[in-house]
N, C-alpha and C. Protein backbone atom coordinates (compact mmCIF):
# COMPACT_ATOMS: atom_id res chain seq x y z
N MET A 1 104.86 131.87 122.22
CA MET A 1 105.78 130.87 122.45
C MET A 1 104.33 129.78 123.23
N LYS A 2 103.77 130.62 124.21
CA LYS A 2 103.35 129.06 124.78
C LYS A 2 102.12 128.72 124.24
N GLU A 3 101.71 129.38 123.14
CA GLU A 3 100.71 129.00 122.37
C GLU A 3 101.15 127.15 121.40
N LYS A 4 102.66 128.00 120.78
CA LYS A 4 103.56 127.19 120.08
C LYS A 4 103.42 126.16 120.80
N ILE A 5 104.15 125.80 122.07
CA ILE A 5 104.15 124.71 123.08
C ILE A 5 102.83 123.81 122.78
N ILE A 6 101.69 124.51 123.71
CA ILE A 6 100.51 123.69 123.23
C ILE A 6 100.48 123.00 122.29
N LYS A 7 100.66 123.73 121.10
CA LYS A 7 100.27 123.25 119.78
C LYS A 7 100.97 122.41 119.63
N SER A 8 102.31 122.22 119.99
CA SER A 8 103.21 120.53 119.55
C SER A 8 103.35 120.17 120.36
N PHE A 9 102.62 119.97 121.52
CA PHE A 9 102.42 119.13 122.65
C PHE A 9 100.61 118.13 121.99
N ASN A 10 100.20 119.00 121.75
CA ASN A 10 98.70 118.54 121.41
C ASN A 10 99.20 117.26 119.96
N GLU A 11 100.19 118.04 119.51
CA GLU A 11 100.81 116.79 118.10
C GLU A 11 101.31 115.21 118.50
N GLN A 12 101.74 115.99 119.66
CA GLN A 12 102.70 114.53 119.76
C GLN A 12 102.03 113.39 120.65
N GLN A 13 101.70 112.12 119.73
CA GLN A 13 101.01 111.41 119.22
C GLN A 13 101.48 110.08 120.68
N PHE A 14 102.79 110.37 121.24
CA PHE A 14 102.45 109.69 121.92
C PHE A 14 102.69 109.91 123.58
N MET A 15 102.50 111.05 123.54
CA MET A 15 102.06 111.99 124.74
C MET A 15 100.43 111.22 125.18
N GLN A 16 99.56 111.43 123.75
CA GLN A 16 98.36 111.24 124.25
C GLN A 16 97.94 109.63 124.60
N THR A 17 99.24 108.90 124.32
CA THR A 17 98.67 107.31 124.35
C THR A 17 99.30 107.31 125.90
N LEU A 18 100.07 107.99 126.35
CA LEU A 18 100.54 108.16 127.90
C LEU A 18 99.54 108.69 128.34
N GLY A 19 98.58 109.49 127.85
CA GLY A 19 97.52 110.01 128.93
C GLY A 19 98.17 111.32 129.15
N ALA A 20 99.21 111.73 129.38
CA ALA A 20 100.06 112.89 129.48
C ALA A 20 99.20 114.00 129.21
N GLU A 21 99.44 115.12 130.29
CA GLU A 21 98.96 116.86 130.16
C GLU A 21 99.60 117.60 130.47
N LEU A 22 100.21 118.52 129.70
CA LEU A 22 100.85 119.86 129.79
C LEU A 22 99.88 120.87 130.57
N ILE A 23 100.55 120.69 131.75
CA ILE A 23 99.68 121.56 132.81
C ILE A 23 100.51 123.15 133.19
N SER A 24 101.37 123.53 133.12
CA SER A 24 102.19 124.82 132.84
C SER A 24 103.14 125.14 132.40
N VAL A 25 103.48 126.34 131.23
CA VAL A 25 104.43 126.68 130.57
C VAL A 25 104.79 128.21 131.08
N GLU A 26 105.89 128.20 131.31
CA GLU A 26 106.84 129.48 131.70
C GLU A 26 107.79 129.53 131.15
N LYS A 27 108.38 130.42 131.42
CA LYS A 27 109.82 130.64 130.28
C LYS A 27 111.01 129.95 131.40
N GLY A 28 111.50 129.17 130.65
CA GLY A 28 112.44 128.26 131.37
C GLY A 28 111.76 127.24 132.08
N LEU A 29 110.61 126.95 132.21
CA LEU A 29 109.83 126.03 133.12
C LEU A 29 108.27 125.13 132.74
N VAL A 30 108.50 123.75 132.31
CA VAL A 30 107.19 123.47 132.33
C VAL A 30 106.81 122.30 132.42
N LYS A 31 105.77 121.95 133.12
CA LYS A 31 105.57 120.43 133.58
C LYS A 31 104.34 120.23 132.76
N ILE A 32 104.19 118.64 133.09
CA ILE A 32 103.85 117.53 132.19
C ILE A 32 102.94 116.60 133.27
N ALA A 33 101.66 116.68 133.27
CA ALA A 33 101.43 115.10 134.49
C ALA A 33 100.96 114.13 133.55
N CYS A 34 100.92 113.20 134.58
CA CYS A 34 100.48 111.93 133.72
C CYS A 34 99.48 111.29 134.78
N THR A 35 98.55 110.41 134.40
CA THR A 35 97.67 109.62 135.53
C THR A 35 98.19 108.59 135.65
N PHE A 36 97.70 107.92 136.32
CA PHE A 36 98.35 106.51 136.76
C PHE A 36 96.88 105.53 136.02
N HIS A 37 97.16 104.47 135.29
CA HIS A 37 96.42 103.73 134.93
C HIS A 37 97.22 102.42 134.64
N GLU A 38 96.84 100.93 134.69
CA GLU A 38 97.30 100.18 134.76
C GLU A 38 98.19 99.97 133.42
N GLY A 39 97.93 100.54 132.11
CA GLY A 39 98.84 99.95 130.79
C GLY A 39 99.89 100.91 131.10
N LEU A 40 100.16 101.37 132.23
CA LEU A 40 101.35 102.06 132.51
C LEU A 40 102.41 102.05 133.13
N THR A 41 102.06 100.51 133.52
CA THR A 41 102.76 99.70 134.49
C THR A 41 103.87 99.06 134.14
N GLN A 42 104.75 98.42 134.74
CA GLN A 42 105.63 97.67 134.65
C GLN A 42 105.45 96.53 135.64
N GLN A 43 106.01 95.37 136.13
CA GLN A 43 105.82 94.19 136.51
C GLN A 43 105.18 94.38 137.77
N ASN A 44 105.60 95.08 138.84
CA ASN A 44 105.44 95.50 139.93
C ASN A 44 103.87 96.16 140.21
N GLY A 45 104.07 97.05 139.68
CA GLY A 45 103.00 97.70 139.29
C GLY A 45 103.19 99.16 139.24
N TYR A 46 104.07 99.45 139.48
CA TYR A 46 104.73 100.55 139.65
C TYR A 46 104.67 101.54 137.88
N PHE A 47 104.54 103.14 138.19
CA PHE A 47 104.77 103.49 136.85
C PHE A 47 105.86 102.66 136.46
N HIS A 48 105.99 102.62 134.84
CA HIS A 48 107.73 102.13 133.72
C HIS A 48 107.84 103.37 133.67
N ALA A 49 109.50 102.85 133.88
CA ALA A 49 110.71 103.63 133.78
C ALA A 49 110.36 104.42 132.88
N GLY A 50 109.99 104.02 131.36
CA GLY A 50 109.81 104.41 130.10
C GLY A 50 108.85 105.47 130.00
N VAL A 51 108.09 105.40 130.83
CA VAL A 51 107.15 106.59 131.27
C VAL A 51 107.55 107.92 132.00
N LEU A 52 108.00 107.58 133.38
CA LEU A 52 108.78 108.57 134.08
C LEU A 52 110.19 109.19 132.70
N THR A 53 110.79 108.57 132.21
CA THR A 53 111.74 109.26 130.97
C THR A 53 111.57 109.89 130.34
N SER A 54 109.66 109.44 128.92
CA SER A 54 109.39 110.19 128.33
C SER A 54 108.77 111.50 128.59
N ILE A 55 108.20 111.24 130.00
CA ILE A 55 107.28 112.69 130.44
C ILE A 55 108.71 113.62 130.78
N ALA A 56 109.53 113.90 131.43
CA ALA A 56 110.48 114.31 132.12
C ALA A 56 111.51 114.99 130.56
N ASP A 57 111.67 114.06 129.48
CA ASP A 57 112.17 114.50 128.30
C ASP A 57 111.61 115.61 127.45
N SER A 58 110.00 115.16 127.82
CA SER A 58 109.48 116.29 126.74
C SER A 58 109.04 117.72 127.95
N ALA A 59 108.71 117.54 128.89
CA ALA A 59 109.29 118.78 129.61
C ALA A 59 110.27 119.37 129.75
N CYS A 60 111.26 119.14 129.53
CA CYS A 60 113.27 119.48 129.44
C CYS A 60 113.20 120.11 128.18
N GLY A 61 112.10 119.47 126.98
CA GLY A 61 112.63 119.84 125.84
C GLY A 61 111.49 120.94 125.57
N TYR A 62 110.31 121.20 126.31
CA TYR A 62 109.47 121.81 125.99
C TYR A 62 110.02 123.41 126.60
N ALA A 63 110.64 123.19 127.92
CA ALA A 63 111.47 124.11 128.82
C ALA A 63 112.52 124.91 128.13
N ALA A 64 113.09 124.21 127.20
CA ALA A 64 114.24 125.01 126.40
C ALA A 64 113.77 125.57 125.48
N LEU A 65 112.21 124.94 124.71
CA LEU A 65 112.43 125.54 123.64
C LEU A 65 111.35 127.02 123.91
N THR A 66 111.20 127.53 125.33
CA THR A 66 110.67 128.33 125.42
C THR A 66 111.46 129.86 125.66
N LEU A 67 113.30 129.36 125.74
CA LEU A 67 113.78 130.50 125.21
C LEU A 67 114.64 130.16 124.57
N MET A 68 114.27 129.65 123.10
CA MET A 68 114.29 129.64 122.23
C MET A 68 113.72 130.65 120.95
N PRO A 69 114.32 131.26 119.55
CA PRO A 69 114.37 131.64 119.05
C PRO A 69 112.65 131.26 118.59
N GLU A 70 112.03 132.41 118.51
CA GLU A 70 110.23 132.13 117.70
C GLU A 70 109.97 131.10 116.45
N ASP A 71 111.19 131.05 115.52
CA ASP A 71 111.43 130.16 114.54
C ASP A 71 111.57 128.51 114.92
N ALA A 72 112.07 128.28 116.10
CA ALA A 72 113.20 127.20 116.19
C ALA A 72 112.05 126.17 116.77
N ASP A 73 112.89 124.94 116.72
CA ASP A 73 112.38 123.39 117.13
C ASP A 73 113.40 122.66 118.09
N VAL A 74 112.93 122.07 118.53
CA VAL A 74 113.86 121.86 119.46
C VAL A 74 113.78 120.00 119.61
N LEU A 75 115.03 119.39 119.52
CA LEU A 75 115.03 118.28 119.98
C LEU A 75 115.87 117.40 121.22
N SER A 76 115.59 116.72 121.62
CA SER A 76 116.86 115.88 122.55
C SER A 76 117.98 115.51 121.62
N VAL A 77 119.73 115.41 122.36
CA VAL A 77 120.17 114.84 121.58
C VAL A 77 121.02 113.75 122.86
N GLU A 78 120.64 114.01 124.00
CA GLU A 78 121.46 113.15 125.23
C GLU A 78 120.89 113.77 126.79
N PHE A 79 120.05 112.55 127.25
CA PHE A 79 119.74 112.87 128.36
C PHE A 79 120.53 111.64 129.37
N LYS A 80 120.54 112.01 130.42
CA LYS A 80 120.64 110.82 131.83
C LYS A 80 119.98 110.82 132.96
N VAL A 81 119.29 109.70 133.10
CA VAL A 81 118.32 109.34 134.05
C VAL A 81 118.43 108.71 135.16
N ASN A 82 118.58 108.76 136.44
CA ASN A 82 118.69 108.61 137.71
C ASN A 82 117.16 107.88 138.13
N LEU A 83 116.87 106.78 138.68
CA LEU A 83 115.34 106.24 138.84
C LEU A 83 115.83 106.38 140.13
N LEU A 84 115.38 107.27 141.39
CA LEU A 84 115.44 107.06 142.55
C LEU A 84 114.41 106.12 143.40
N ARG A 85 113.34 106.02 143.01
CA ARG A 85 112.29 104.94 143.73
C ARG A 85 111.26 104.74 142.86
N PRO A 86 110.88 103.75 143.58
CA PRO A 86 109.36 103.28 142.49
C PRO A 86 108.87 104.70 142.72
N ALA A 87 107.93 104.89 141.15
CA ALA A 87 106.87 105.88 141.00
C ALA A 87 105.46 105.31 141.36
N VAL A 88 104.84 105.76 142.38
CA VAL A 88 103.56 105.69 142.65
C VAL A 88 102.81 106.79 142.72
N GLY A 89 101.55 106.52 143.17
CA GLY A 89 100.45 107.52 142.82
C GLY A 89 99.29 107.30 142.17
N LYS A 90 98.40 108.68 142.33
CA LYS A 90 97.18 108.52 141.01
C LYS A 90 97.58 109.08 140.16
N ARG A 91 98.66 110.09 140.15
CA ARG A 91 99.29 111.17 139.05
C ARG A 91 100.71 111.24 139.55
N ILE A 92 101.51 111.62 138.38
CA ILE A 92 103.18 112.24 138.34
C ILE A 92 103.11 113.57 137.76
N ILE A 93 104.12 113.92 138.12
CA ILE A 93 104.16 115.72 137.73
C ILE A 93 105.76 115.61 137.13
N ALA A 94 106.00 115.99 135.46
CA ALA A 94 107.05 116.00 135.38
C ALA A 94 108.01 117.37 135.38
N ILE A 95 108.46 118.00 135.94
CA ILE A 95 108.89 119.31 136.06
C ILE A 95 110.55 119.28 134.65
N GLY A 96 110.30 120.55 133.59
CA GLY A 96 111.63 120.48 133.23
C GLY A 96 111.90 121.73 133.35
N LYS A 97 113.43 121.91 134.35
CA LYS A 97 114.06 123.32 133.80
C LYS A 97 115.00 123.94 133.31
N VAL A 98 115.32 124.68 132.68
CA VAL A 98 116.65 125.05 131.84
C VAL A 98 117.24 125.62 133.36
N PHE A 99 118.52 125.02 132.77
CA PHE A 99 120.03 124.76 133.58
C PHE A 99 120.84 126.13 132.83
N LYS A 100 121.04 125.80 131.60
CA LYS A 100 121.85 126.88 130.86
C LYS A 100 121.30 126.66 129.54
N ALA A 101 120.80 128.01 129.12
CA ALA A 101 120.48 128.18 127.87
C ALA A 101 121.31 128.65 126.81
N GLY A 102 122.06 128.17 125.95
CA GLY A 102 122.84 128.73 125.23
C GLY A 102 122.36 128.85 123.43
N LYS A 103 122.96 129.20 122.83
CA LYS A 103 122.71 129.66 121.08
C LYS A 103 122.48 128.22 120.33
N THR A 104 122.96 127.25 120.79
CA THR A 104 122.88 125.35 120.10
C THR A 104 121.99 124.96 120.93
N LEU A 105 123.28 124.70 122.14
CA LEU A 105 122.52 123.83 122.64
C LEU A 105 121.81 124.60 124.33
N THR A 106 121.24 123.65 125.02
CA THR A 106 120.36 123.84 126.30
C THR A 106 120.68 122.72 127.56
N ILE A 107 120.96 123.10 128.24
CA ILE A 107 120.72 122.11 129.29
C ILE A 107 119.92 122.43 130.33
N CYS A 108 118.93 121.35 130.71
CA CYS A 108 118.03 121.47 131.69
C CYS A 108 118.10 119.99 132.49
N ASP A 109 117.44 120.75 133.71
CA ASP A 109 117.22 119.81 134.89
C ASP A 109 115.75 119.37 134.80
N GLY A 110 115.48 117.66 134.71
CA GLY A 110 114.31 117.31 134.79
C GLY A 110 113.85 116.78 136.24
N PHE A 111 112.76 116.71 136.70
CA PHE A 111 112.44 115.66 137.94
C PHE A 111 111.08 114.81 137.35
N VAL A 112 110.58 114.17 138.02
CA VAL A 112 109.60 113.44 137.99
C VAL A 112 109.30 113.10 139.39
N MET A 113 108.12 113.96 139.89
CA MET A 113 107.60 113.87 141.49
C MET A 113 106.07 113.16 141.81
N ASP A 114 105.81 113.17 142.71
CA ASP A 114 104.32 112.95 143.02
C ASP A 114 103.14 114.05 142.70
N GLU A 115 102.08 113.77 142.87
CA GLU A 115 101.16 114.90 142.43
C GLU A 115 101.47 116.57 143.24
N GLN A 116 101.55 116.23 144.85
CA GLN A 116 101.90 117.32 145.07
C GLN A 116 103.28 117.76 145.16
N GLU A 117 104.18 117.12 144.47
CA GLU A 117 105.59 117.85 144.30
C GLU A 117 106.76 118.13 145.20
N LYS A 118 106.90 116.75 146.33
CA LYS A 118 107.26 116.27 147.51
C LYS A 118 108.35 115.48 147.36
N THR A 119 107.87 114.52 146.69
CA THR A 119 108.45 113.13 146.57
C THR A 119 109.20 113.39 145.07
N VAL A 120 110.58 112.91 144.87
CA VAL A 120 111.11 112.87 143.55
C VAL A 120 111.69 111.58 143.34
N PHE A 121 110.78 111.14 142.35
CA PHE A 121 110.72 109.55 141.46
C PHE A 121 111.93 109.37 140.39
N THR A 122 112.70 110.65 139.65
CA THR A 122 113.34 110.56 138.84
C THR A 122 114.19 111.89 138.69
N LYS A 123 115.11 111.74 138.48
CA LYS A 123 116.43 113.28 138.06
C LYS A 123 116.64 112.70 136.87
N MET A 124 116.59 113.74 136.03
CA MET A 124 117.22 113.72 134.58
C MET A 124 118.19 114.94 134.09
N VAL A 125 119.08 114.87 133.76
CA VAL A 125 120.37 115.70 132.85
C VAL A 125 119.84 115.57 131.46
N ALA A 126 119.47 116.87 130.69
CA ALA A 126 119.13 116.66 129.20
C ALA A 126 119.98 118.04 128.67
N THR A 127 119.98 117.57 127.59
CA THR A 127 120.89 118.44 126.51
C THR A 127 119.90 118.74 125.48
N MET A 128 119.79 119.43 125.19
CA MET A 128 118.28 119.84 123.61
C MET A 128 119.16 120.96 123.01
N ILE A 129 119.15 120.58 122.17
CA ILE A 129 119.10 121.12 120.37
C ILE A 129 118.32 122.37 119.68
N CYS A 130 118.70 123.41 119.83
CA CYS A 130 118.14 124.12 118.77
C CYS A 130 118.21 124.19 117.26
N MET A 131 116.88 123.56 117.07
CA MET A 131 117.16 123.47 115.32
C MET A 131 116.38 124.81 114.53
N GLN A 132 117.01 125.14 113.82
CA GLN A 132 116.34 126.50 113.11
C GLN A 132 115.91 126.08 111.91
N LYS A 133 114.02 126.03 111.48
CA LYS A 133 113.50 125.90 110.45
C LYS A 133 114.34 126.48 109.09
N ASN A 134 114.08 125.48 108.14
CA ASN A 134 114.37 126.02 106.54
C ASN A 134 113.83 127.77 106.75
N ARG A 135 114.51 128.57 106.18
CA ARG A 135 113.65 129.75 105.75
C ARG A 135 113.87 129.89 104.33
């Protein structure tokens, strides 16, 4: 499954646009890093909320995929984001964790944190759907 997720991540053009990097894939847990550059900021110089939301969404989706059947794919169907404080620093880390895996829907918790994983900038709750490929 790890190889499948790496391949899928590398095919996501948007993650490449953000300069995001897949840094960890474990059963039920995925981490994605994003390095700061001015093209990712909002008007006050902080990471844009769209960057935080996007990397958290991908981390949650891939965490869910680690627990799905080998021939499945994943799509987001819903998420809620709390932006807790401005995201600052040279690098941020999105962590997606499976909260409850089901046959069809999987609920995940997502966090975007500083590089040391001590300060939480964003909290996400996401629902992912398992999509079976046509056979």
